[in-house]
C-alpha atoms as a PDB file:
ATOM      1  CA  MET A   1     113.373  85.383  33.296  1.00  0.00           C
ATOM      2  CA  SER A   2     111.579  88.471  34.581  1.00  0.00           C
ATOM      3  CA  SER A   3     111.712  91.513  32.323  1.00  0.00           C
ATOM      4  CA  GLN A   4     113.215  93.359  35.290  1.00  0.00           C
ATOM      5  CA  ALA A   5     116.018  90.835  35.830  1.00  0.00           C
ATOM      6  CA  VAL A   6     119.614  91.873  35.290  1.00  0.00           C
ATOM      7  CA  ARG A   7     120.924  90.326  32.070  1.00  0.00           C
ATOM      8  CA  LEU A   8     124.118  88.283  32.444  1.00  0.00           C
ATOM      9  CA  VAL A   9     126.505  87.141  29.737  1.00  0.00           C
ATOM     10  CA  VAL A  10     128.852  84.549  31.235  1.00  0.00           C
ATOM     11  CA  LEU A  11     132.257  83.762  29.701  1.00  0.00           C
ATOM     12  CA  VAL A  12     133.877  80.348  30.218  1.00  0.00           C
ATOM     13  CA  SER A  13     136.950  78.458  29.057  1.00  0.00           C
ATOM     14  CA  GLY A  14     136.542  75.069  30.728  1.00  0.00           C
ATOM     15  CA  SER A  15     134.257  72.926  32.843  1.00  0.00           C
ATOM     16  CA  GLY A  16     131.948  75.747  33.909  1.00  0.00           C
ATOM     17  CA  THR A  17     131.364  74.897  37.565  1.00  0.00           C
ATOM     18  CA  ASN A  18     130.957  78.579  38.448  1.00  0.00           C
ATOM     19  CA  LEU A  19     128.577  78.913  35.509  1.00  0.00           C
ATOM     20  CA  GLN A  20     126.547  75.972  36.812  1.00  0.00           C
ATOM     21  CA  ALA A  21     126.262  77.648  40.202  1.00  0.00           C
ATOM     22  CA  LEU A  22     124.894  80.758  38.476  1.00  0.00           C
ATOM     23  CA  LEU A  23     122.505  78.722  36.323  1.00  0.00           C
ATOM     24  CA  ASP A  24     121.175  77.048  39.460  1.00  0.00           C
ATOM     25  CA  ALA A  25     120.782  80.414  41.196  1.00  0.00           C
ATOM     26  CA  VAL A  26     118.935  82.172  38.365  1.00  0.00           C
ATOM     27  CA  ALA A  27     116.331  79.406  38.320  1.00  0.00           C
ATOM     28  CA  ASP A  28     114.894  81.233  41.357  1.00  0.00           C
ATOM     29  CA  GLU A  29     113.038  84.298  40.050  1.00  0.00           C
ATOM     30  CA  THR A  30     113.753  86.183  43.266  1.00  0.00           C
ATOM     31  CA  TYR A  31     117.498  86.041  42.509  1.00  0.00           C
ATOM     32  CA  GLY A  32     117.189  89.097  40.302  1.00  0.00           C
ATOM     33  CA  ALA A  33     119.293  88.033  37.319  1.00  0.00           C
ATOM     34  CA  GLY A  34     119.158  85.749  34.319  1.00  0.00           C
ATOM     35  CA  VAL A  35     121.842  84.249  32.087  1.00  0.00           C
ATOM     36  CA  VAL A  36     121.044  85.383  28.536  1.00  0.00           C
ATOM     37  CA  ALA A  37     124.130  83.866  26.844  1.00  0.00           C
ATOM     38  CA  VAL A  38     127.311  81.932  27.527  1.00  0.00           C
ATOM     39  CA  GLY A  39     130.433  82.586  25.463  1.00  0.00           C
ATOM     40  CA  ALA A  40     133.750  80.767  25.233  1.00  0.00           C
ATOM     41  CA  ASP A  41     137.138  81.222  23.606  1.00  0.00           C
ATOM     42  CA  ARG A  42     137.160  77.619  22.395  1.00  0.00           C
ATOM     43  CA  GLY A  43     134.610  75.029  21.399  1.00  0.00           C
ATOM     44  CA  GLY A  44     133.840  71.666  22.933  1.00  0.00           C
ATOM     45  CA  VAL A  45     134.151  72.701  26.583  1.00  0.00           C
ATOM     46  CA  GLU A  46     131.801  71.469  29.272  1.00  0.00           C
ATOM     47  CA  GLY A  47     130.805  75.020  30.163  1.00  0.00           C
ATOM     48  CA  LEU A  48     129.116  75.367  26.768  1.00  0.00           C
ATOM     49  CA  ALA A  49     127.416  72.005  27.216  1.00  0.00           C
ATOM     50  CA  ARG A  50     126.049  73.110  30.602  1.00  0.00           C
ATOM     51  CA  ALA A  51     124.564  76.207  28.983  1.00  0.00           C
ATOM     52  CA  GLN A  52     123.049  74.206  26.135  1.00  0.00           C
ATOM     53  CA  ARG A  53     121.438  71.757  28.570  1.00  0.00           C
ATOM     54  CA  ALA A  54     119.924  74.749  30.363  1.00  0.00           C
ATOM     55  CA  GLY A  55     118.568  76.154  27.090  1.00  0.00           C
ATOM     56  CA  VAL A  56     120.873  79.176  27.170  1.00  0.00           C
ATOM     57  CA  PRO A  57     122.266  80.515  23.853  1.00  0.00           C
ATOM     58  CA  THR A  58     126.008  80.031  23.365  1.00  0.00           C
ATOM     59  CA  PHE A  59     128.750  81.438  21.159  1.00  0.00           C
ATOM     60  CA  VAL A  60     132.443  80.744  20.559  1.00  0.00           C
ATOM     61  CA  GLU A  61     134.981  83.422  19.606  1.00  0.00           C
ATOM     62  CA  ARG A  62     138.440  81.916  19.133  1.00  0.00           C
ATOM     63  CA  VAL A  63     141.546  84.074  19.128  1.00  0.00           C
ATOM     64  CA  ALA A  64     143.014  81.917  16.341  1.00  0.00           C
ATOM     65  CA  ASP A  65     140.159  82.898  14.019  1.00  0.00           C
ATOM     66  CA  HIS A  66     141.303  86.525  13.919  1.00  0.00           C
ATOM     67  CA  PRO A  67     144.388  88.147  12.360  1.00  0.00           C
ATOM     68  CA  THR A  68     145.273  90.051  15.531  1.00  0.00           C
ATOM     69  CA  ARG A  69     144.402  90.063  19.209  1.00  0.00           C
ATOM     70  CA  GLU A  70     142.790  93.482  18.720  1.00  0.00           C
ATOM     71  CA  ASP A  71     140.491  92.011  16.067  1.00  0.00           C
ATOM     72  CA  TRP A  72     139.472  89.294  18.518  1.00  0.00           C
ATOM     73  CA  ASP A  73     138.838  91.892  21.230  1.00  0.00           C
ATOM     74  CA  ARG A  74     136.466  93.768  18.926  1.00  0.00           C
ATOM     75  CA  ALA A  75     134.734  90.608  17.733  1.00  0.00           C
ATOM     76  CA  LEU A  76     134.194  89.341  21.266  1.00  0.00           C
ATOM     77  CA  ALA A  77     132.764  92.677  22.379  1.00  0.00           C
ATOM     78  CA  ALA A  78     130.366  92.622  19.426  1.00  0.00           C
ATOM     79  CA  ARG A  79     129.202  89.093  20.226  1.00  0.00           C
ATOM     80  CA  ILE A  80     128.603  90.065  23.857  1.00  0.00           C
ATOM     81  CA  ALA A  81     126.798  93.287  22.884  1.00  0.00           C
ATOM     82  CA  ALA A  82     124.317  91.343  20.748  1.00  0.00           C
ATOM     83  CA  TYR A  83     122.766  90.001  23.978  1.00  0.00           C
ATOM     84  CA  ARG A  84     122.468  93.451  25.623  1.00  0.00           C
ATOM     85  CA  PRO A  85     123.960  92.438  28.982  1.00  0.00           C
ATOM     86  CA  ASP A  86     123.825  94.516  32.129  1.00  0.00           C
ATOM     87  CA  LEU A  87     126.782  92.598  33.530  1.00  0.00           C
ATOM     88  CA  VAL A  88     129.435  90.294  32.049  1.00  0.00           C
ATOM     89  CA  VAL A  89     130.727  87.530  34.331  1.00  0.00           C
ATOM     90  CA  CYS A  90     134.052  85.789  33.735  1.00  0.00           C
ATOM     91  CA  ALA A  91     133.509  82.317  35.178  1.00  0.00           C
ATOM     92  CA  GLY A  92     136.825  80.585  34.623  1.00  0.00           C
ATOM     93  CA  PHE A  93     137.483  82.558  31.435  1.00  0.00           C
ATOM     94  CA  MET A  94     141.207  82.269  30.782  1.00  0.00           C
ATOM     95  CA  ARG A  95     141.713  85.273  28.509  1.00  0.00           C
ATOM     96  CA  ILE A  96     142.435  88.863  29.457  1.00  0.00           C
ATOM     97  CA  LEU A  97     139.657  91.026  28.079  1.00  0.00           C
ATOM     98  CA  GLY A  98     140.509  94.000  25.887  1.00  0.00           C
ATOM     99  CA  LYS A  99     139.279  97.580  25.967  1.00  0.00           C
ATOM    100  CA  PRO A 100     136.289  97.015  23.647  1.00  0.00           C
ATOM    101  CA  THR A 101     134.659  94.768  26.260  1.00  0.00           C
ATOM    102  CA  LEU A 102     135.928  96.481  29.402  1.00  0.00           C
ATOM    103  CA  GLU A 103     134.821  99.927  28.223  1.00  0.00           C
ATOM    104  CA  ALA A 104     131.389  98.750  27.083  1.00  0.00           C
ATOM    105  CA  PHE A 105     130.225  96.656  30.043  1.00  0.00           C
ATOM    106  CA  PRO A 106     130.861  96.140  33.749  1.00  0.00           C
ATOM    107  CA  VAL A 107     132.804  92.876  33.979  1.00  0.00           C
ATOM    108  CA  LEU A 108     132.995  90.658  37.044  1.00  0.00           C
ATOM    109  CA  ASN A 109     135.906  88.285  37.632  1.00  0.00           C
ATOM    110  CA  THR A 110     137.072  85.934  40.375  1.00  0.00           C
ATOM    111  CA  HIS A 111     140.512  84.994  41.676  1.00  0.00           C
ATOM    112  CA  PRO A 112     141.559  82.134  44.009  1.00  0.00           C
ATOM    113  CA  ALA A 113     143.498  84.284  46.474  1.00  0.00           C
ATOM    114  CA  LEU A 114     142.950  87.305  48.683  1.00  0.00           C
ATOM    115  CA  LEU A 115     143.995  90.121  46.382  1.00  0.00           C
ATOM    116  CA  PRO A 116     146.147  92.138  46.136  1.00  0.00           C
ATOM    117  CA  SER A 117     148.245  89.178  47.330  1.00  0.00           C
ATOM    118  CA  PHE A 118     149.134  86.466  44.810  1.00  0.00           C
ATOM    119  CA  PRO A 119     147.661  87.768  41.543  1.00  0.00           C
ATOM    120  CA  GLY A 120     148.125  85.950  38.247  1.00  0.00           C
ATOM    121  CA  ALA A 121     147.577  82.451  36.944  1.00  0.00           C
ATOM    122  CA  HIS A 122     149.073  80.592  39.933  1.00  0.00           C
ATOM    123  CA  GLY A 123     147.448  82.258  42.927  1.00  0.00           C
ATOM    124  CA  VAL A 124     146.889  79.017  44.843  1.00  0.00           C
ATOM    125  CA  ARG A 125     150.404  77.688  44.208  1.00  0.00           C
ATOM    126  CA  ASP A 126     151.987  81.025  45.074  1.00  0.00           C
ATOM    127  CA  ALA A 127     150.082  81.352  48.349  1.00  0.00           C
ATOM    128  CA  LEU A 128     150.977  77.814  49.351  1.00  0.00           C
ATOM    129  CA  SER A 129     154.641  78.319  48.465  1.00  0.00           C
ATOM    130  CA  TYR A 130     154.768  81.530  50.470  1.00  0.00           C
ATOM    131  CA  GLY A 131     153.567  79.681  53.550  1.00  0.00           C
ATOM    132  CA  VAL A 132     150.455  81.700  54.355  1.00  0.00           C
ATOM    133  CA  ARG A 133     148.082  80.211  56.905  1.00  0.00           C
ATOM    134  CA  VAL A 134     145.007  81.849  55.396  1.00  0.00           C
ATOM    135  CA  THR A 135     144.194  82.435  51.738  1.00  0.00           C
ATOM    136  CA  GLY A 136     140.827  82.662  50.011  1.00  0.00           C
ATOM    137  CA  CYS A 137     139.032  84.066  46.997  1.00  0.00           C
ATOM    138  CA  THR A 138     138.152  87.460  45.581  1.00  0.00           C
ATOM    139  CA  VAL A 139     135.346  88.779  43.393  1.00  0.00           C
ATOM    140  CA  MET A 140     136.310  91.979  41.597  1.00  0.00           C
ATOM    141  CA  LEU A 141     135.404  94.300  38.771  1.00  0.00           C
ATOM    142  CA  ALA A 142     137.814  93.559  35.946  1.00  0.00           C
ATOM    143  CA  ASP A 143     140.048  96.256  34.512  1.00  0.00           C
ATOM    144  CA  ALA A 144     142.890  96.276  31.980  1.00  0.00           C
ATOM    145  CA  GLY A 145     145.393  94.819  34.457  1.00  0.00           C
ATOM    146  CA  VAL A 146     145.841  91.276  35.755  1.00  0.00           C
ATOM    147  CA  ASP A 147     143.693  90.911  38.888  1.00  0.00           C
ATOM    148  CA  THR A 148     143.995  94.622  39.646  1.00  0.00           C
ATOM    149  CA  GLY A 149     140.357  95.755  39.475  1.00  0.00           C
ATOM    150  CA  PRO A 150     138.302  97.137  42.379  1.00  0.00           C
ATOM    151  CA  ILE A 151     137.475  94.435  44.922  1.00  0.00           C
ATOM    152  CA  ILE A 152     133.798  93.716  45.616  1.00  0.00           C
ATOM    153  CA  ALA A 153     133.886  90.729  47.971  1.00  0.00           C
ATOM    154  CA  GLN A 154     136.383  88.369  49.573  1.00  0.00           C
ATOM    155  CA  GLU A 155     136.221  85.283  51.733  1.00  0.00           C
ATOM    156  CA  ALA A 156     139.002  83.595  53.664  1.00  0.00           C
ATOM    157  CA  VAL A 157     139.951  79.913  53.419  1.00  0.00           C
ATOM    158  CA  PRO A 158     142.372  78.416  55.953  1.00  0.00           C
ATOM    159  CA  VAL A 159     145.447  76.562  54.728  1.00  0.00           C
ATOM    160  CA  LEU A 160     145.705  73.119  56.344  1.00  0.00           C
ATOM    161  CA  ASP A 161     148.991  71.468  57.289  1.00  0.00           C
ATOM    162  CA  ASP A 162     148.571  68.653  54.756  1.00  0.00           C
ATOM    163  CA  ASP A 163     147.324  70.819  51.897  1.00  0.00           C
ATOM    164  CA  ASP A 164     148.762  70.443  48.442  1.00  0.00           C
ATOM    165  CA  GLU A 165     147.811  72.757  45.585  1.00  0.00           C
ATOM    166  CA  ALA A 166     144.981  70.551  44.315  1.00  0.00           C
ATOM    167  CA  ALA A 167     143.329  70.059  47.698  1.00  0.00           C
ATOM    168  CA  LEU A 168     143.558  73.728  48.626  1.00  0.00           C
ATOM    169  CA  HIS A 169     142.259  74.821  45.226  1.00  0.00           C
ATOM    170  CA  GLU A 170     139.215  72.559  45.526  1.00  0.00           C
ATOM    171  CA  ARG A 171     138.284  74.082  48.893  1.00  0.00           C
ATOM    172  CA  ILE A 172     138.790  77.580  47.508  1.00  0.00           C
ATOM    173  CA  LYS A 173     136.652  76.827  44.453  1.00  0.00           C
ATOM    174  CA  SER A 174     133.790  75.647  46.643  1.00  0.00           C
ATOM    175  CA  VAL A 175     133.846  78.932  48.559  1.00  0.00           C
ATOM    176  CA  GLU A 176     134.384  80.933  45.365  1.00  0.00           C
ATOM    177  CA  ARG A 177     131.261  79.534  43.701  1.00  0.00           C
ATOM    178  CA  GLN A 178     129.039  80.619  46.567  1.00  0.00           C
ATOM    179  CA  LEU A 179     130.726  84.003  46.889  1.00  0.00           C
ATOM    180  CA  LEU A 180     130.229  84.648  43.166  1.00  0.00           C
ATOM    181  CA  VAL A 181     126.552  83.670  43.335  1.00  0.00           C
ATOM    182  CA  ASP A 182     125.975  85.841  46.398  1.00  0.00           C
ATOM    183  CA  THR A 183     127.807  88.815  44.878  1.00  0.00           C
ATOM    184  CA  VAL A 184     126.045  88.688  41.505  1.00  0.00           C
ATOM    185  CA  GLY A 185     122.702  88.354  43.266  1.00  0.00           C
ATOM    186  CA  ARG A 186     123.328  91.372  45.462  1.00  0.00           C
ATOM    187  CA  MET A 187     124.515  93.438  42.506  1.00  0.00           C
ATOM    188  CA  ALA A 188     121.399  92.466  40.577  1.00  0.00           C
ATOM    189  CA  ARG A 189     118.948  93.189  43.379  1.00  0.00           C
ATOM    190  CA  GLU A 190     120.638  96.164  45.043  1.00  0.00           C
ATOM    191  CA  GLY A 191     122.792  97.749  42.347  1.00  0.00           C
ATOM    192  CA  TRP A 192     126.284  99.015  43.075  1.00  0.00           C
ATOM    193  CA  THR A 193     128.443 102.104  43.011  1.00  0.00           C
ATOM    194  CA  VAL A 194     132.169 102.511  42.448  1.00  0.00           C
ATOM    195  CA  THR A 195     134.131 105.345  44.042  1.00  0.00           C
ATOM    196  CA  GLY A 196     137.821 105.110  43.263  1.00  0.00           C
ATOM    197  CA  ARG A 197     138.680 101.559  44.261  1.00  0.00           C
ATOM    198  CA  THR A 198     135.743 101.152  46.627  1.00  0.00           C
ATOM    199  CA  VAL A 199     132.694  99.188  45.482  1.00  0.00           C
ATOM    200  CA  ARG A 200     129.516  99.415  47.549  1.00  0.00           C
ATOM    201  CA  PHE A 201     126.194  97.701  47.101  1.00  0.00           C
ATOM    202  CA  GLY A 202     123.221  99.985  46.600  1.00  0.00           C
ATOM    203  CA  ARG A 203     122.156 102.436  43.928  1.00  0.00           C
ATOM    204  CA  PRO A 204     123.277 106.064  43.922  1.00  0.00           C
ATOM    205  CA  GLY A 205     121.080 108.067  46.260  1.00  0.00           C
ATOM    206  CA  GLY A 206     119.539 104.893  47.625  1.00  0.00           C
END
């Protein structure tokens, strides 16, 4: 990784397909970023194995290992801080991050719907149940709410007549992976600014 590359800590909870897309992308030195660590809220998940196969350091911080959720929040933030990230990426991380992490680092998250529509854990199911003809995915800066942070990028995915939740989610995930890779790469190479709820690529004064 170039000394000028943006340092990424990626958080996972499961299979890590978004993580793998990032690991593949950072193999190109022109991408502008490198994954310096991968963290999880539970052990034994494929996302950690993907990181280990790529030679990336890993850590696990389980909620159950701490007396309170606030203790876990502080412990997770400390583990992340040890790797001095420029950007934290939630790649299928199924925990809401607390203030210690959100106030210390910019955090990127994804959602399988076109926010602000259909936030929460069942975005694909909710969109399908509502009968929309177009849904999609969103990349956002995380805040203390549930899928309420400033939106960086979105891409639409059409809903087909024979779609069920699983089929639609798979098509969304394919688009989401590429959108995440493209967004992280642009943020790394171009920088970004946030004004209110508007996120723009480019450094201040650039």
